[in-house]
Amino acid sequence: MGTELALVVSGASGTALARHFAMAALTSDAVGVLHRVMTGPACKVAAHELGEEWSTAARFRDSLPVDGASRTRVQAWSDSELMSPVSSGSHRLGGVVVLPCSAGMVGSLANGISRGLAQRVADVALKQRWPLVLGVRETPMSPVLLTNLGRLAQAGAHIVPPIPAFYLRPDEAEAMRVFMDHYVMRVLDLLDIPISGDGLRWNG
């Protein structure tokens, strides 16, 4: 059957990372279902960065360049669907990834605020002690954001900003793909989802 994961997309820039993560997760037989939640701002950012065909959770799922069987493993939810099963801790998840994660999302989670499904899913991960990965997309980081990130780290969240692995020394033409491949491999490692990572791991 495989584990169930949730991918939450907030309104920060970097929706290509969310697309890349979804594709990588669906290559693993260990992932049975990938629940996808997009906030309203995330839909607008996705439309700007990737095109209108990616502008809702359902469109994002339908546009993924994967086979039909993989696509059926994606459950798409809008931020307003608070009756979704993933809004409850009684629906077990193997982990929640917020990617990209905005400073606003961080502030809400650090202060126990969950106004929509996206915030609720991440908040549930914290209270259930499930793996919660926050791909924070903000620079420079203000003292307020750093304080909030510290609180979330103490609560058990993994703070994983998308930072290039320069030691892979990719060809410039391939650098962005290699960067995203490496980043999503590291996130899947934190969720204990097996992935080969050929050529992406440090070997001295």
N, C-alpha and C. Protein backbone atom coordinates (compact mmCIF):
# COMPACT_ATOMS: atom_id res chain seq x y z
N MET A 1 0.84 -1.21 0.00
CA MET A 1 0.00 0.00 0.00
C MET A 1 0.87 1.26 0.00
N GLY A 2 1.91 1.28 0.82
CA GLY A 2 2.78 2.45 0.88
C GLY A 2 2.29 3.50 1.84
N THR A 3 3.21 4.35 2.28
CA THR A 3 2.86 5.40 3.23
C THR A 3 2.15 6.54 2.53
N GLU A 4 1.42 7.32 3.30
CA GLU A 4 0.75 8.52 2.79
C GLU A 4 1.54 9.74 3.22
N LEU A 5 1.82 10.63 2.28
CA LEU A 5 2.49 11.89 2.56
C LEU A 5 1.58 13.04 2.18
N ALA A 6 1.84 14.19 2.76
CA ALA A 6 1.14 15.42 2.35
C ALA A 6 2.16 16.44 1.88
N LEU A 7 1.87 17.05 0.74
CA LEU A 7 2.70 18.13 0.20
C LEU A 7 1.87 19.41 0.23
N VAL A 8 2.28 20.34 1.07
CA VAL A 8 1.60 21.62 1.21
C VAL A 8 2.40 22.67 0.46
N VAL A 9 1.72 23.43 -0.40
CA VAL A 9 2.38 24.48 -1.18
C VAL A 9 1.85 25.82 -0.70
N SER A 10 2.73 26.63 -0.13
CA SER A 10 2.33 27.96 0.34
C SER A 10 2.68 29.00 -0.71
N GLY A 11 2.50 30.27 -0.39
CA GLY A 11 2.61 31.31 -1.39
C GLY A 11 4.00 31.85 -1.65
N ALA A 12 5.04 31.17 -1.18
CA ALA A 12 6.40 31.62 -1.47
C ALA A 12 6.77 31.27 -2.91
N SER A 13 7.77 31.95 -3.44
CA SER A 13 8.29 31.61 -4.75
C SER A 13 8.99 30.26 -4.69
N GLY A 14 8.94 29.52 -5.81
CA GLY A 14 9.63 28.24 -5.86
C GLY A 14 8.72 27.05 -6.08
N THR A 15 7.61 27.26 -6.80
CA THR A 15 6.66 26.15 -7.00
C THR A 15 7.26 25.05 -7.87
N ALA A 16 8.32 25.34 -8.62
CA ALA A 16 8.98 24.27 -9.38
C ALA A 16 9.55 23.22 -8.44
N LEU A 17 9.93 23.62 -7.23
CA LEU A 17 10.42 22.67 -6.24
C LEU A 17 9.32 21.70 -5.82
N ALA A 18 8.10 22.22 -5.66
CA ALA A 18 6.97 21.37 -5.30
C ALA A 18 6.69 20.37 -6.41
N ARG A 19 6.74 20.84 -7.65
CA ARG A 19 6.53 19.93 -8.79
C ARG A 19 7.60 18.85 -8.80
N HIS A 20 8.84 19.24 -8.58
CA HIS A 20 9.95 18.30 -8.61
C HIS A 20 9.82 17.27 -7.48
N PHE A 21 9.43 17.74 -6.30
CA PHE A 21 9.25 16.83 -5.17
C PHE A 21 8.15 15.81 -5.46
N ALA A 22 7.03 16.28 -5.98
CA ALA A 22 5.92 15.37 -6.28
C ALA A 22 6.35 14.29 -7.26
N MET A 23 7.07 14.68 -8.29
CA MET A 23 7.52 13.71 -9.29
C MET A 23 8.47 12.68 -8.67
N ALA A 24 9.39 13.16 -7.82
CA ALA A 24 10.34 12.25 -7.19
C ALA A 24 9.64 11.30 -6.22
N ALA A 25 8.71 11.82 -5.43
CA ALA A 25 8.00 10.98 -4.47
C ALA A 25 7.21 9.89 -5.16
N LEU A 26 6.62 10.22 -6.29
CA LEU A 26 5.79 9.25 -7.01
C LEU A 26 6.61 8.18 -7.71
N THR A 27 7.93 8.37 -7.80
CA THR A 27 8.77 7.31 -8.37
C THR A 27 9.03 6.20 -7.37
N SER A 28 8.72 6.45 -6.08
CA SER A 28 8.98 5.47 -5.04
C SER A 28 7.75 4.63 -4.74
N ASP A 29 7.91 3.32 -4.74
CA ASP A 29 6.81 2.43 -4.37
C ASP A 29 6.45 2.58 -2.90
N ALA A 30 7.33 3.20 -2.12
CA ALA A 30 7.06 3.37 -0.69
C ALA A 30 5.98 4.41 -0.44
N VAL A 31 5.69 5.25 -1.45
CA VAL A 31 4.65 6.28 -1.31
C VAL A 31 3.37 5.76 -1.96
N GLY A 32 2.36 5.54 -1.12
CA GLY A 32 1.09 5.06 -1.64
C GLY A 32 0.19 6.16 -2.11
N VAL A 33 0.10 7.24 -1.32
CA VAL A 33 -0.76 8.39 -1.65
C VAL A 33 0.01 9.67 -1.34
N LEU A 34 -0.09 10.63 -2.23
CA LEU A 34 0.47 11.95 -2.00
C LEU A 34 -0.68 12.94 -1.97
N HIS A 35 -0.98 13.47 -0.78
CA HIS A 35 -2.02 14.49 -0.62
C HIS A 35 -1.40 15.85 -0.92
N ARG A 36 -2.07 16.61 -1.76
CA ARG A 36 -1.52 17.90 -2.17
C ARG A 36 -2.50 19.01 -1.80
N VAL A 37 -2.00 19.99 -1.06
CA VAL A 37 -2.80 21.13 -0.63
C VAL A 37 -2.12 22.41 -1.09
N MET A 38 -2.88 23.30 -1.72
CA MET A 38 -2.33 24.59 -2.15
C MET A 38 -3.13 25.73 -1.54
N THR A 39 -2.41 26.72 -1.01
CA THR A 39 -3.09 27.92 -0.51
C THR A 39 -3.50 28.81 -1.69
N GLY A 40 -4.36 29.79 -1.40
CA GLY A 40 -4.75 30.74 -2.44
C GLY A 40 -3.57 31.47 -3.05
N PRO A 41 -2.69 32.04 -2.21
CA PRO A 41 -1.50 32.69 -2.77
C PRO A 41 -0.61 31.73 -3.58
N ALA A 42 -0.53 30.48 -3.15
CA ALA A 42 0.28 29.50 -3.89
C ALA A 42 -0.27 29.29 -5.30
N CYS A 43 -1.59 29.29 -5.43
CA CYS A 43 -2.19 29.13 -6.76
C CYS A 43 -1.79 30.29 -7.68
N LYS A 44 -1.76 31.51 -7.14
CA LYS A 44 -1.38 32.67 -7.94
C LYS A 44 0.10 32.61 -8.32
N VAL A 45 0.94 32.20 -7.37
CA VAL A 45 2.37 32.11 -7.65
C VAL A 45 2.64 31.02 -8.69
N ALA A 46 1.95 29.88 -8.55
CA ALA A 46 2.14 28.78 -9.51
C ALA A 46 1.74 29.22 -10.92
N ALA A 47 0.65 29.95 -11.03
CA ALA A 47 0.22 30.44 -12.34
C ALA A 47 1.27 31.37 -12.95
N HIS A 48 1.88 32.20 -12.11
CA HIS A 48 2.90 33.13 -12.61
C HIS A 48 4.19 32.40 -12.98
N GLU A 49 4.63 31.45 -12.14
CA GLU A 49 5.93 30.82 -12.33
C GLU A 49 5.90 29.64 -13.31
N LEU A 50 4.78 28.91 -13.32
CA LEU A 50 4.72 27.69 -14.14
C LEU A 50 3.68 27.76 -15.26
N GLY A 51 2.67 28.62 -15.10
CA GLY A 51 1.59 28.72 -16.08
C GLY A 51 0.25 28.36 -15.48
N GLU A 52 -0.83 28.78 -16.14
CA GLU A 52 -2.17 28.58 -15.62
C GLU A 52 -2.52 27.11 -15.41
N GLU A 53 -1.90 26.22 -16.19
CA GLU A 53 -2.22 24.79 -16.06
C GLU A 53 -1.77 24.21 -14.72
N TRP A 54 -1.02 24.99 -13.94
CA TRP A 54 -0.54 24.54 -12.62
C TRP A 54 -1.21 25.32 -11.49
N SER A 55 -2.25 26.08 -11.78
CA SER A 55 -2.73 27.11 -10.86
C SER A 55 -3.70 26.64 -9.78
N THR A 56 -4.05 25.35 -9.72
CA THR A 56 -4.84 24.81 -8.60
C THR A 56 -4.25 23.46 -8.25
N ALA A 57 -4.64 22.92 -7.10
CA ALA A 57 -4.12 21.61 -6.70
C ALA A 57 -4.50 20.54 -7.71
N ALA A 58 -5.74 20.60 -8.20
CA ALA A 58 -6.19 19.60 -9.18
C ALA A 58 -5.46 19.76 -10.51
N ARG A 59 -5.28 21.01 -10.98
CA ARG A 59 -4.56 21.23 -12.22
C ARG A 59 -3.10 20.81 -12.09
N PHE A 60 -2.53 21.08 -10.93
CA PHE A 60 -1.15 20.69 -10.67
C PHE A 60 -1.01 19.17 -10.81
N ARG A 61 -1.92 18.45 -10.19
CA ARG A 61 -1.90 16.98 -10.29
C ARG A 61 -2.03 16.53 -11.75
N ASP A 62 -2.99 17.11 -12.46
CA ASP A 62 -3.26 16.68 -13.83
C ASP A 62 -2.13 17.05 -14.79
N SER A 63 -1.31 18.04 -14.43
CA SER A 63 -0.22 18.47 -15.30
C SER A 63 1.10 17.77 -15.01
N LEU A 64 1.17 17.00 -13.94
CA LEU A 64 2.42 16.32 -13.62
C LEU A 64 2.81 15.37 -14.74
N PRO A 65 4.06 15.40 -15.20
CA PRO A 65 4.51 14.51 -16.27
C PRO A 65 4.83 13.12 -15.75
N VAL A 66 3.77 12.44 -15.27
CA VAL A 66 3.90 11.08 -14.76
C VAL A 66 2.84 10.21 -15.44
N ASP A 67 2.96 8.89 -15.28
CA ASP A 67 1.98 8.01 -15.91
C ASP A 67 0.66 8.06 -15.16
N GLY A 68 -0.37 7.50 -15.78
CA GLY A 68 -1.71 7.56 -15.21
C GLY A 68 -1.81 6.90 -13.85
N ALA A 69 -1.12 5.78 -13.66
CA ALA A 69 -1.17 5.08 -12.38
C ALA A 69 -0.59 5.94 -11.27
N SER A 70 0.50 6.64 -11.57
CA SER A 70 1.11 7.52 -10.57
C SER A 70 0.19 8.69 -10.25
N ARG A 71 -0.46 9.23 -11.28
CA ARG A 71 -1.33 10.38 -11.08
C ARG A 71 -2.52 10.03 -10.18
N THR A 72 -3.01 8.81 -10.25
CA THR A 72 -4.14 8.42 -9.40
C THR A 72 -3.76 8.35 -7.94
N ARG A 73 -2.47 8.34 -7.64
CA ARG A 73 -2.01 8.32 -6.25
C ARG A 73 -1.97 9.70 -5.63
N VAL A 74 -2.27 10.74 -6.42
CA VAL A 74 -2.26 12.11 -5.92
C VAL A 74 -3.69 12.53 -5.58
N GLN A 75 -3.90 12.94 -4.33
CA GLN A 75 -5.18 13.48 -3.90
C GLN A 75 -5.04 15.00 -3.78
N ALA A 76 -5.82 15.73 -4.56
CA ALA A 76 -5.71 17.19 -4.59
C ALA A 76 -6.78 17.83 -3.70
N TRP A 77 -6.35 18.77 -2.83
CA TRP A 77 -7.26 19.45 -1.92
C TRP A 77 -7.02 20.95 -2.00
N SER A 78 -8.11 21.71 -1.95
CA SER A 78 -7.97 23.16 -1.86
C SER A 78 -7.85 23.55 -0.39
N ASP A 79 -7.38 24.76 -0.15
CA ASP A 79 -7.15 25.22 1.23
C ASP A 79 -8.44 25.32 2.03
N SER A 80 -9.56 25.43 1.35
CA SER A 80 -10.84 25.58 2.06
C SER A 80 -11.47 24.25 2.46
N GLU A 81 -10.92 23.14 2.00
CA GLU A 81 -11.54 21.83 2.25
C GLU A 81 -11.12 21.27 3.61
N LEU A 82 -11.63 21.90 4.64
CA LEU A 82 -11.27 21.49 6.00
C LEU A 82 -11.91 20.17 6.41
N MET A 83 -12.84 19.65 5.62
CA MET A 83 -13.40 18.33 5.90
C MET A 83 -12.55 17.22 5.29
N SER A 84 -11.44 17.58 4.66
CA SER A 84 -10.53 16.58 4.11
C SER A 84 -10.04 15.66 5.22
N PRO A 85 -9.82 14.38 4.92
CA PRO A 85 -9.32 13.46 5.95
C PRO A 85 -7.98 13.88 6.54
N VAL A 86 -7.15 14.59 5.76
CA VAL A 86 -5.83 14.95 6.28
C VAL A 86 -5.87 16.11 7.28
N SER A 87 -7.06 16.63 7.55
CA SER A 87 -7.17 17.68 8.57
C SER A 87 -7.22 17.09 9.97
N SER A 88 -7.25 15.77 10.08
CA SER A 88 -7.35 15.11 11.38
C SER A 88 -6.13 14.24 11.64
N GLY A 89 -5.69 14.24 12.88
CA GLY A 89 -4.59 13.38 13.28
C GLY A 89 -4.96 11.92 13.29
N SER A 90 -6.25 11.61 13.21
CA SER A 90 -6.67 10.20 13.16
C SER A 90 -6.41 9.59 11.78
N HIS A 91 -6.13 10.45 10.78
CA HIS A 91 -5.75 9.96 9.45
C HIS A 91 -4.23 9.98 9.40
N ARG A 92 -3.62 8.83 9.52
CA ARG A 92 -2.17 8.75 9.69
C ARG A 92 -1.42 9.12 8.41
N LEU A 93 -0.42 9.96 8.60
CA LEU A 93 0.48 10.33 7.50
C LEU A 93 1.91 9.97 7.89
N GLY A 94 2.69 9.64 6.89
CA GLY A 94 4.09 9.35 7.14
C GLY A 94 4.94 10.61 7.24
N GLY A 95 4.38 11.74 6.88
CA GLY A 95 5.09 13.00 6.96
C GLY A 95 4.39 14.08 6.16
N VAL A 96 4.75 15.33 6.45
CA VAL A 96 4.19 16.49 5.77
C VAL A 96 5.35 17.37 5.31
N VAL A 97 5.31 17.78 4.06
CA VAL A 97 6.32 18.66 3.49
C VAL A 97 5.65 19.96 3.08
N VAL A 98 6.16 21.08 3.57
CA VAL A 98 5.66 22.39 3.14
C VAL A 98 6.73 22.97 2.22
N LEU A 99 6.41 23.02 0.93
CA LEU A 99 7.41 23.38 -0.08
C LEU A 99 6.76 24.05 -1.29
N PRO A 100 7.10 25.28 -1.57
CA PRO A 100 7.92 26.16 -0.75
C PRO A 100 7.15 26.64 0.48
N CYS A 101 7.89 27.01 1.50
CA CYS A 101 7.28 27.46 2.76
C CYS A 101 7.54 28.95 2.93
N SER A 102 6.47 29.71 3.05
CA SER A 102 6.59 31.17 3.19
C SER A 102 6.83 31.57 4.64
N ALA A 103 7.30 32.80 4.82
CA ALA A 103 7.48 33.33 6.18
C ALA A 103 6.14 33.42 6.90
N GLY A 104 5.07 33.71 6.15
CA GLY A 104 3.74 33.77 6.76
C GLY A 104 3.31 32.42 7.29
N MET A 105 3.59 31.35 6.54
CA MET A 105 3.27 30.01 7.00
C MET A 105 4.06 29.68 8.27
N VAL A 106 5.32 30.04 8.28
CA VAL A 106 6.16 29.80 9.46
C VAL A 106 5.58 30.52 10.67
N GLY A 107 5.21 31.79 10.50
CA GLY A 107 4.66 32.56 11.61
C GLY A 107 3.38 31.95 12.16
N SER A 108 2.51 31.48 11.26
CA SER A 108 1.26 30.86 11.71
C SER A 108 1.54 29.59 12.50
N LEU A 109 2.40 28.72 11.96
CA LEU A 109 2.68 27.46 12.63
C LEU A 109 3.37 27.67 13.98
N ALA A 110 4.28 28.63 14.04
CA ALA A 110 5.01 28.89 15.28
C ALA A 110 4.10 29.41 16.38
N ASN A 111 2.94 29.95 15.99
CA ASN A 111 2.03 30.52 16.98
C ASN A 111 0.71 29.76 17.07
N GLY A 112 0.67 28.54 16.55
CA GLY A 112 -0.50 27.68 16.70
C GLY A 112 -1.71 28.13 15.94
N ILE A 113 -1.53 28.83 14.82
CA ILE A 113 -2.65 29.34 14.03
C ILE A 113 -2.84 28.42 12.82
N SER A 114 -4.09 27.95 12.62
CA SER A 114 -4.37 27.11 11.45
C SER A 114 -5.72 27.50 10.87
N ARG A 115 -5.69 28.48 9.98
CA ARG A 115 -6.93 29.03 9.42
C ARG A 115 -7.47 28.22 8.26
N GLY A 116 -6.61 27.56 7.50
CA GLY A 116 -7.05 26.77 6.35
C GLY A 116 -6.45 25.38 6.42
N LEU A 117 -6.76 24.57 5.42
CA LEU A 117 -6.30 23.19 5.43
C LEU A 117 -4.77 23.10 5.38
N ALA A 118 -4.12 23.98 4.62
CA ALA A 118 -2.66 23.91 4.52
C ALA A 118 -2.00 24.07 5.89
N GLN A 119 -2.40 25.10 6.62
CA GLN A 119 -1.86 25.31 7.96
C GLN A 119 -2.27 24.19 8.90
N ARG A 120 -3.49 23.71 8.74
CA ARG A 120 -3.99 22.65 9.62
C ARG A 120 -3.19 21.36 9.44
N VAL A 121 -2.90 20.98 8.21
CA VAL A 121 -2.16 19.74 7.96
C VAL A 121 -0.78 19.81 8.62
N ALA A 122 -0.10 20.95 8.47
CA ALA A 122 1.22 21.10 9.08
C ALA A 122 1.11 21.12 10.60
N ASP A 123 0.08 21.76 11.13
CA ASP A 123 -0.12 21.82 12.57
C ASP A 123 -0.40 20.43 13.13
N VAL A 124 -1.15 19.62 12.40
CA VAL A 124 -1.41 18.25 12.82
C VAL A 124 -0.11 17.45 12.90
N ALA A 125 0.77 17.65 11.91
CA ALA A 125 2.06 16.95 11.93
C ALA A 125 2.84 17.29 13.20
N LEU A 126 2.81 18.55 13.60
CA LEU A 126 3.51 18.95 14.83
C LEU A 126 2.92 18.25 16.05
N LYS A 127 1.61 18.27 16.17
CA LYS A 127 1.00 17.71 17.38
C LYS A 127 1.10 16.20 17.43
N GLN A 128 1.12 15.55 16.24
CA GLN A 128 1.23 14.09 16.19
C GLN A 128 2.68 13.62 16.22
N ARG A 129 3.61 14.56 16.17
CA ARG A 129 5.05 14.23 16.13
C ARG A 129 5.41 13.47 14.85
N TRP A 130 4.71 13.77 13.76
CA TRP A 130 5.08 13.21 12.47
C TRP A 130 6.20 14.06 11.87
N PRO A 131 7.00 13.52 10.96
CA PRO A 131 8.01 14.36 10.30
C PRO A 131 7.35 15.54 9.59
N LEU A 132 7.85 16.73 9.88
CA LEU A 132 7.38 17.95 9.23
C LEU A 132 8.59 18.66 8.66
N VAL A 133 8.62 18.80 7.34
CA VAL A 133 9.74 19.42 6.65
C VAL A 133 9.30 20.78 6.10
N LEU A 134 10.03 21.82 6.46
CA LEU A 134 9.69 23.17 6.02
C LEU A 134 10.78 23.67 5.07
N GLY A 135 10.45 23.74 3.78
CA GLY A 135 11.38 24.25 2.78
C GLY A 135 11.26 25.76 2.69
N VAL A 136 11.85 26.45 3.65
CA VAL A 136 11.66 27.90 3.81
C VAL A 136 12.33 28.66 2.67
N ARG A 137 11.54 29.49 1.99
CA ARG A 137 12.02 30.28 0.86
C ARG A 137 11.97 31.75 1.23
N GLU A 138 12.99 32.22 1.92
CA GLU A 138 13.05 33.63 2.30
C GLU A 138 14.50 34.01 2.57
N THR A 139 14.91 35.16 2.07
CA THR A 139 16.24 35.66 2.35
C THR A 139 16.28 37.15 2.09
N PRO A 140 16.95 37.95 2.92
CA PRO A 140 17.52 37.54 4.21
C PRO A 140 16.43 37.24 5.21
N MET A 141 16.78 36.56 6.29
CA MET A 141 15.79 36.19 7.30
C MET A 141 15.80 37.22 8.42
N SER A 142 14.61 37.74 8.73
CA SER A 142 14.50 38.73 9.79
C SER A 142 14.63 38.06 11.16
N PRO A 143 14.91 38.84 12.21
CA PRO A 143 14.95 38.26 13.56
C PRO A 143 13.63 37.59 13.95
N VAL A 144 12.51 38.14 13.47
CA VAL A 144 11.21 37.53 13.78
C VAL A 144 11.11 36.15 13.14
N LEU A 145 11.49 36.05 11.86
CA LEU A 145 11.43 34.75 11.18
C LEU A 145 12.38 33.75 11.84
N LEU A 146 13.58 34.19 12.19
CA LEU A 146 14.54 33.28 12.83
C LEU A 146 14.02 32.79 14.18
N THR A 147 13.35 33.67 14.92
CA THR A 147 12.76 33.26 16.20
C THR A 147 11.68 32.21 15.97
N ASN A 148 10.82 32.45 14.99
CA ASN A 148 9.75 31.50 14.69
C ASN A 148 10.31 30.16 14.23
N LEU A 149 11.35 30.19 13.40
CA LEU A 149 11.97 28.94 12.95
C LEU A 149 12.58 28.18 14.12
N GLY A 150 13.19 28.92 15.06
CA GLY A 150 13.74 28.28 16.25
C GLY A 150 12.67 27.59 17.07
N ARG A 151 11.52 28.22 17.19
CA ARG A 151 10.42 27.61 17.95
C ARG A 151 9.94 26.34 17.26
N LEU A 152 9.85 26.37 15.94
CA LEU A 152 9.39 25.20 15.22
C LEU A 152 10.42 24.07 15.26
N ALA A 153 11.70 24.42 15.21
CA ALA A 153 12.74 23.40 15.33
C ALA A 153 12.67 22.73 16.69
N GLN A 154 12.44 23.51 17.73
CA GLN A 154 12.31 22.95 19.08
C GLN A 154 11.08 22.06 19.19
N ALA A 155 10.05 22.36 18.39
CA ALA A 155 8.83 21.55 18.40
C ALA A 155 8.97 20.29 17.55
N GLY A 156 10.11 20.15 16.86
CA GLY A 156 10.37 18.93 16.11
C GLY A 156 10.38 19.05 14.61
N ALA A 157 10.13 20.24 14.07
CA ALA A 157 10.12 20.40 12.61
C ALA A 157 11.54 20.38 12.06
N HIS A 158 11.67 19.89 10.84
CA HIS A 158 12.93 19.96 10.11
C HIS A 158 12.93 21.26 9.29
N ILE A 159 13.90 22.12 9.50
CA ILE A 159 14.01 23.38 8.76
C ILE A 159 15.00 23.13 7.62
N VAL A 160 14.49 23.09 6.38
CA VAL A 160 15.32 22.65 5.25
C VAL A 160 15.22 23.67 4.10
N PRO A 161 15.93 24.79 4.21
CA PRO A 161 15.92 25.76 3.10
C PRO A 161 16.51 25.14 1.84
N PRO A 162 16.00 25.48 0.68
CA PRO A 162 16.56 24.95 -0.58
C PRO A 162 17.91 25.61 -0.88
N ILE A 163 18.99 24.92 -0.55
CA ILE A 163 20.34 25.45 -0.72
C ILE A 163 21.09 24.53 -1.68
N PRO A 164 21.70 25.07 -2.72
CA PRO A 164 22.39 24.22 -3.69
C PRO A 164 23.55 23.45 -3.06
N ALA A 165 23.76 22.23 -3.53
CA ALA A 165 24.92 21.42 -3.11
C ALA A 165 26.04 21.69 -4.11
N PHE A 166 26.86 22.68 -3.83
CA PHE A 166 27.89 23.08 -4.78
C PHE A 166 28.92 21.99 -5.01
N TYR A 167 29.06 21.08 -4.03
CA TYR A 167 30.08 20.03 -4.17
C TYR A 167 29.75 19.03 -5.28
N LEU A 168 28.52 19.06 -5.80
CA LEU A 168 28.19 18.18 -6.93
C LEU A 168 28.80 18.69 -8.24
N ARG A 169 29.18 19.95 -8.26
CA ARG A 169 29.84 20.57 -9.41
C ARG A 169 29.12 20.29 -10.74
N PRO A 170 27.82 20.61 -10.80
CA PRO A 170 27.08 20.32 -12.04
C PRO A 170 27.48 21.24 -13.17
N ASP A 171 27.29 20.77 -14.38
CA ASP A 171 27.42 21.62 -15.56
C ASP A 171 26.40 22.75 -15.44
N GLU A 172 26.77 23.95 -15.83
CA GLU A 172 25.89 25.10 -15.65
C GLU A 172 24.54 24.89 -16.32
N ALA A 173 24.52 24.25 -17.47
CA ALA A 173 23.26 24.03 -18.19
C ALA A 173 22.34 23.09 -17.42
N GLU A 174 22.91 22.24 -16.55
CA GLU A 174 22.13 21.26 -15.80
C GLU A 174 22.00 21.63 -14.33
N ALA A 175 22.55 22.78 -13.94
CA ALA A 175 22.67 23.10 -12.52
C ALA A 175 21.32 23.14 -11.80
N MET A 176 20.30 23.75 -12.41
CA MET A 176 19.01 23.85 -11.73
C MET A 176 18.38 22.48 -11.53
N ARG A 177 18.44 21.61 -12.55
CA ARG A 177 17.87 20.27 -12.39
C ARG A 177 18.62 19.50 -11.31
N VAL A 178 19.94 19.58 -11.29
CA VAL A 178 20.73 18.87 -10.28
C VAL A 178 20.43 19.41 -8.90
N PHE A 179 20.31 20.72 -8.78
CA PHE A 179 19.96 21.34 -7.50
C PHE A 179 18.64 20.80 -6.99
N MET A 180 17.61 20.76 -7.84
CA MET A 180 16.31 20.28 -7.39
C MET A 180 16.32 18.78 -7.12
N ASP A 181 17.03 18.00 -7.94
CA ASP A 181 17.15 16.56 -7.70
C ASP A 181 17.76 16.31 -6.32
N HIS A 182 18.84 17.02 -6.03
CA HIS A 182 19.53 16.82 -4.75
C HIS A 182 18.65 17.25 -3.58
N TYR A 183 17.98 18.38 -3.74
CA TYR A 183 17.15 18.89 -2.64
C TYR A 183 16.02 17.92 -2.31
N VAL A 184 15.29 17.45 -3.30
CA VAL A 184 14.16 16.58 -3.01
C VAL A 184 14.65 15.22 -2.49
N MET A 185 15.84 14.78 -2.90
CA MET A 185 16.41 13.56 -2.33
C MET A 185 16.62 13.73 -0.83
N ARG A 186 17.15 14.89 -0.43
CA ARG A 186 17.39 15.13 0.99
C ARG A 186 16.08 15.17 1.78
N VAL A 187 15.04 15.76 1.19
CA VAL A 187 13.74 15.79 1.86
C VAL A 187 13.18 14.38 1.99
N LEU A 188 13.25 13.58 0.94
CA LEU A 188 12.75 12.21 1.00
C LEU A 188 13.55 11.39 2.00
N ASP A 189 14.84 11.65 2.14
CA ASP A 189 15.64 10.97 3.17
C ASP A 189 15.06 11.24 4.56
N LEU A 190 14.66 12.48 4.82
CA LEU A 190 14.10 12.83 6.13
C LEU A 190 12.78 12.12 6.39
N LEU A 191 12.07 11.76 5.31
CA LEU A 191 10.80 11.06 5.44
C LEU A 191 10.98 9.55 5.39
N ASP A 192 12.23 9.10 5.29
CA ASP A 192 12.55 7.67 5.23
C ASP A 192 11.93 7.00 4.02
N ILE A 193 11.87 7.76 2.90
CA ILE A 193 11.39 7.23 1.64
C ILE A 193 12.61 6.88 0.79
N PRO A 194 12.80 5.61 0.43
CA PRO A 194 14.00 5.21 -0.30
C PRO A 194 14.03 5.78 -1.71
N ILE A 195 15.18 6.31 -2.08
CA ILE A 195 15.40 6.82 -3.42
C ILE A 195 16.88 6.64 -3.72
N SER A 196 17.22 6.29 -4.95
CA SER A 196 18.60 5.91 -5.24
C SER A 196 19.57 7.07 -5.04
N GLY A 197 19.26 8.23 -5.57
CA GLY A 197 20.16 9.36 -5.44
C GLY A 197 21.48 9.16 -6.15
N ASP A 198 21.47 8.39 -7.24
CA ASP A 198 22.71 8.12 -7.97
C ASP A 198 23.39 9.41 -8.38
N GLY A 199 24.65 9.56 -7.99
CA GLY A 199 25.43 10.74 -8.34
C GLY A 199 25.11 11.97 -7.53
N LEU A 200 24.19 11.86 -6.56
CA LEU A 200 23.75 13.04 -5.81
C LEU A 200 24.26 13.04 -4.37
N ARG A 201 24.88 11.96 -3.93
CA ARG A 201 25.31 11.89 -2.53
C ARG A 201 26.81 12.14 -2.42
N TRP A 202 27.19 12.72 -1.30
CA TRP A 202 28.60 13.04 -1.06
C TRP A 202 29.38 11.73 -0.96
N ASN A 203 30.46 11.64 -1.70
CA ASN A 203 31.30 10.45 -1.62
C ASN A 203 32.78 10.81 -1.51
N GLY A 204 33.04 12.04 -1.07
CA GLY A 204 34.43 12.47 -0.91
C GLY A 204 35.02 12.74 -2.24
